[in-house]
C-alpha atoms as a PDB file:
ATOM      1  CA  UNK A   1      35.529 -11.779  -4.054  1.00  0.00           C
ATOM      2  CA  UNK A   2      36.752 -12.246  -7.609  1.00  0.00           C
ATOM      3  CA  UNK A   3      36.114  -9.867 -10.478  1.00  0.00           C
ATOM      4  CA  UNK A   4      33.612 -12.269 -12.062  1.00  0.00           C
ATOM      5  CA  UNK A   5      31.749 -12.706  -8.767  1.00  0.00           C
ATOM      6  CA  UNK A   6      31.556  -8.934  -8.405  1.00  0.00           C
ATOM      7  CA  UNK A   7      30.166  -8.643 -11.943  1.00  0.00           C
ATOM      8  CA  UNK A   8      27.573 -11.346 -11.217  1.00  0.00           C
ATOM      9  CA  UNK A   9      26.493  -9.487  -8.075  1.00  0.00           C
ATOM     10  CA  UNK A  10      26.381  -6.160  -9.955  1.00  0.00           C
ATOM     11  CA  UNK A  11      24.258  -7.659 -12.725  1.00  0.00           C
ATOM     12  CA  UNK A  12      21.861  -9.260 -10.215  1.00  0.00           C
ATOM     13  CA  UNK A  13      21.483  -5.921  -8.451  1.00  0.00           C
ATOM     14  CA  UNK A  14      20.996  -4.100 -11.785  1.00  0.00           C
ATOM     15  CA  UNK A  15      18.333  -6.575 -12.881  1.00  0.00           C
ATOM     16  CA  UNK A  16      16.461  -6.304  -9.592  1.00  0.00           C
ATOM     17  CA  UNK A  17      16.772  -2.500  -9.567  1.00  0.00           C
ATOM     18  CA  UNK A  18      15.587  -2.091 -13.162  1.00  0.00           C
ATOM     19  CA  UNK A  19      12.732  -4.550 -12.711  1.00  0.00           C
ATOM     20  CA  UNK A  20      11.722  -2.604  -9.615  1.00  0.00           C
ATOM     21  CA  UNK A  21      11.470   0.491 -11.778  1.00  0.00           C
ATOM     22  CA  UNK A  22       9.536  -1.508 -14.426  1.00  0.00           C
ATOM     23  CA  UNK A  23      12.255  -0.937 -16.994  1.00  0.00           C
ATOM     24  CA  UNK A  24      14.313  -3.318 -18.993  1.00  0.00           C
ATOM     25  CA  UNK A  25      17.825  -4.172 -17.920  1.00  0.00           C
ATOM     26  CA  UNK A  26      20.217  -1.521 -19.148  1.00  0.00           C
ATOM     27  CA  UNK A  27      23.972  -1.191 -19.038  1.00  0.00           C
ATOM     28  CA  UNK A  28      24.873   2.450 -19.540  1.00  0.00           C
ATOM     29  CA  UNK A  29      28.264   2.812 -17.857  1.00  0.00           C
ATOM     30  CA  UNK A  30      30.341   0.197 -19.653  1.00  0.00           C
ATOM     31  CA  UNK A  31      30.073  -2.350 -22.428  1.00  0.00           C
ATOM     32  CA  UNK A  32      30.831  -5.987 -21.690  1.00  0.00           C
ATOM     33  CA  UNK A  33      31.576  -8.639 -24.274  1.00  0.00           C
ATOM     34  CA  UNK A  34      28.636 -10.893 -25.064  1.00  0.00           C
ATOM     35  CA  UNK A  35      30.315 -14.004 -23.628  1.00  0.00           C
ATOM     36  CA  UNK A  36      30.821 -12.272 -20.267  1.00  0.00           C
ATOM     37  CA  UNK A  37      27.193 -11.113 -20.202  1.00  0.00           C
ATOM     38  CA  UNK A  38      26.003 -14.626 -21.056  1.00  0.00           C
ATOM     39  CA  UNK A  39      28.197 -16.120 -18.334  1.00  0.00           C
ATOM     40  CA  UNK A  40      26.975 -13.589 -15.809  1.00  0.00           C
ATOM     41  CA  UNK A  41      23.363 -14.229 -16.822  1.00  0.00           C
ATOM     42  CA  UNK A  42      23.863 -17.963 -16.200  1.00  0.00           C
ATOM     43  CA  UNK A  43      24.935 -17.091 -12.654  1.00  0.00           C
ATOM     44  CA  UNK A  44      21.988 -14.813 -11.936  1.00  0.00           C
ATOM     45  CA  UNK A  45      19.827 -16.184  -9.132  1.00  0.00           C
ATOM     46  CA  UNK A  46      16.463 -16.205 -10.898  1.00  0.00           C
ATOM     47  CA  UNK A  47      14.735 -17.509  -7.761  1.00  0.00           C
ATOM     48  CA  UNK A  48      15.808 -14.340  -5.957  1.00  0.00           C
ATOM     49  CA  UNK A  49      14.382 -12.267  -8.810  1.00  0.00           C
ATOM     50  CA  UNK A  50      11.141 -14.286  -8.802  1.00  0.00           C
ATOM     51  CA  UNK A  51      10.723 -13.761  -5.039  1.00  0.00           C
ATOM     52  CA  UNK A  52      11.274 -10.029  -5.466  1.00  0.00           C
ATOM     53  CA  UNK A  53       8.816  -9.828  -8.358  1.00  0.00           C
ATOM     54  CA  UNK A  54       6.200 -11.925  -6.572  1.00  0.00           C
ATOM     55  CA  UNK A  55       6.315  -9.748  -3.464  1.00  0.00           C
ATOM     56  CA  UNK A  56       6.024  -6.523  -5.438  1.00  0.00           C
ATOM     57  CA  UNK A  57       3.324  -7.807  -7.770  1.00  0.00           C
ATOM     58  CA  UNK A  58       1.265  -9.011  -4.793  1.00  0.00           C
ATOM     59  CA  UNK A  59       1.525  -5.547  -3.229  1.00  0.00           C
ATOM     60  CA  UNK A  60       0.519  -3.868  -6.502  1.00  0.00           C
ATOM     61  CA  UNK A  61      -2.480  -6.162  -6.944  1.00  0.00           C
ATOM     62  CA  UNK A  62      -3.621  -5.556  -3.365  1.00  0.00           C
ATOM     63  CA  UNK A  63      -3.258  -1.775  -3.807  1.00  0.00           C
ATOM     64  CA  UNK A  64      -5.252  -1.836  -7.059  1.00  0.00           C
ATOM     65  CA  UNK A  65      -8.023  -3.872  -5.409  1.00  0.00           C
ATOM     66  CA  UNK A  66      -8.208  -1.519  -2.419  1.00  0.00           C
ATOM     67  CA  UNK A  67      -8.141   1.583  -4.642  1.00  0.00           C
ATOM     68  CA  UNK A  68     -10.920   0.155  -6.794  1.00  0.00           C
ATOM     69  CA  UNK A  69     -13.047  -0.699  -3.746  1.00  0.00           C
ATOM     70  CA  UNK A  70     -12.522   2.772  -2.250  1.00  0.00           C
ATOM     71  CA  UNK A  71     -13.573   4.412  -5.517  1.00  0.00           C
ATOM     72  CA  UNK A  72     -16.665   2.241  -5.708  1.00  0.00           C
ATOM     73  CA  UNK A  73     -17.656   2.945  -2.081  1.00  0.00           C
ATOM     74  CA  UNK A  74     -17.073   6.688  -2.545  1.00  0.00           C
ATOM     75  CA  UNK A  75     -19.270   6.636  -5.647  1.00  0.00           C
ATOM     76  CA  UNK A  76     -22.014   4.746  -3.780  1.00  0.00           C
ATOM     77  CA  UNK A  77     -21.899   7.206  -0.883  1.00  0.00           C
ATOM     78  CA  UNK A  78     -22.142  10.158  -3.284  1.00  0.00           C
ATOM     79  CA  UNK A  79     -25.236   8.632  -4.890  1.00  0.00           C
ATOM     80  CA  UNK A  80     -26.835   7.933  -1.516  1.00  0.00           C
ATOM     81  CA  UNK A  81     -26.103  11.373  -0.083  1.00  0.00           C
ATOM     82  CA  UNK A  82     -27.231  13.076  -3.290  1.00  0.00           C
ATOM     83  CA  UNK A  83     -30.835  12.135  -2.473  1.00  0.00           C
ATOM     84  CA  UNK A  84     -32.231  14.913  -0.265  1.00  0.00           C
ATOM     85  CA  UNK A  85     -34.689  12.696   1.663  1.00  0.00           C
ATOM     86  CA  UNK A  86     -31.983  10.166   2.528  1.00  0.00           C
ATOM     87  CA  UNK A  87     -29.578  12.936   3.514  1.00  0.00           C
ATOM     88  CA  UNK A  88     -32.205  14.414   5.881  1.00  0.00           C
ATOM     89  CA  UNK A  89     -32.949  10.960   7.353  1.00  0.00           C
ATOM     90  CA  UNK A  90     -29.228  10.435   7.968  1.00  0.00           C
ATOM     91  CA  UNK A  91     -28.939  13.813   9.708  1.00  0.00           C
ATOM     92  CA  UNK A  92     -31.947  13.020  11.915  1.00  0.00           C
ATOM     93  CA  UNK A  93     -30.553   9.603  12.821  1.00  0.00           C
ATOM     94  CA  UNK A  94     -27.074  11.000  13.554  1.00  0.00           C
ATOM     95  CA  UNK A  95     -28.543  13.826  15.667  1.00  0.00           C
ATOM     96  CA  UNK A  96     -30.434  11.267  17.777  1.00  0.00           C
ATOM     97  CA  UNK A  97     -27.300   9.164  18.282  1.00  0.00           C
ATOM     98  CA  UNK A  98     -25.227  12.216  19.238  1.00  0.00           C
ATOM     99  CA  UNK A  99     -27.877  13.341  21.722  1.00  0.00           C
ATOM    100  CA  UNK A 100     -27.958   9.840  23.247  1.00  0.00           C
ATOM    101  CA  UNK A 101     -24.180   9.862  23.548  1.00  0.00           C
ATOM    102  CA  UNK A 102     -24.184  13.316  25.152  1.00  0.00           C
ATOM    103  CA  UNK A 103     -26.902  12.247  27.576  1.00  0.00           C
ATOM    104  CA  UNK A 104     -24.894   9.123  28.429  1.00  0.00           C
ATOM    105  CA  UNK A 105     -21.885  11.261  29.261  1.00  0.00           C
ATOM    106  CA  UNK A 106     -24.001  13.649  31.357  1.00  0.00           C
ATOM    107  CA  UNK A 107     -25.611  10.730  33.251  1.00  0.00           C
ATOM    108  CA  UNK A 108     -22.302   9.027  33.989  1.00  0.00           C
ATOM    109  CA  UNK A 109     -20.957   9.189  37.509  1.00  0.00           C
ATOM    110  CA  UNK A 110     -18.024  11.519  38.062  1.00  0.00           C
ATOM    111  CA  UNK A 111     -14.566   9.911  38.034  1.00  0.00           C
ATOM    112  CA  UNK A 112     -13.280   8.532  41.326  1.00  0.00           C
ATOM    113  CA  UNK A 113     -10.558  11.175  41.583  1.00  0.00           C
ATOM    114  CA  UNK A 114     -12.989  14.094  41.002  1.00  0.00           C
ATOM    115  CA  UNK A 115     -13.209  16.629  43.804  1.00  0.00           C
ATOM    116  CA  UNK A 116     -16.522  16.741  45.682  1.00  0.00           C
ATOM    117  CA  UNK A 117     -18.743  19.819  45.165  1.00  0.00           C
ATOM    118  CA  UNK A 118     -18.779  22.520  47.804  1.00  0.00           C
END
């Protein structure tokens, strides 16, 4: 790999890394002449950068949508549960369902490998 190819690869990696951190591209370690930077920039694979950005932006959008929905649902549940009559109705309903489930377990036949009584 030639020196110029290594610089092109380093710049591509720096661009992708800095974009991933939502910063601008920065060169802190060494200063390159403008013509070298321009030449390197012409060799940057912008399609690779676009794919990287697209994937990350899609993930960010999905996360924001899910976070927003979770906040909205949590707020709705708080409002519903804040009403004493509804809260008591929910407790009654849940108690009935738990009792039905417990009765279903008690009524079930013992497992095949269970030891017989006595």
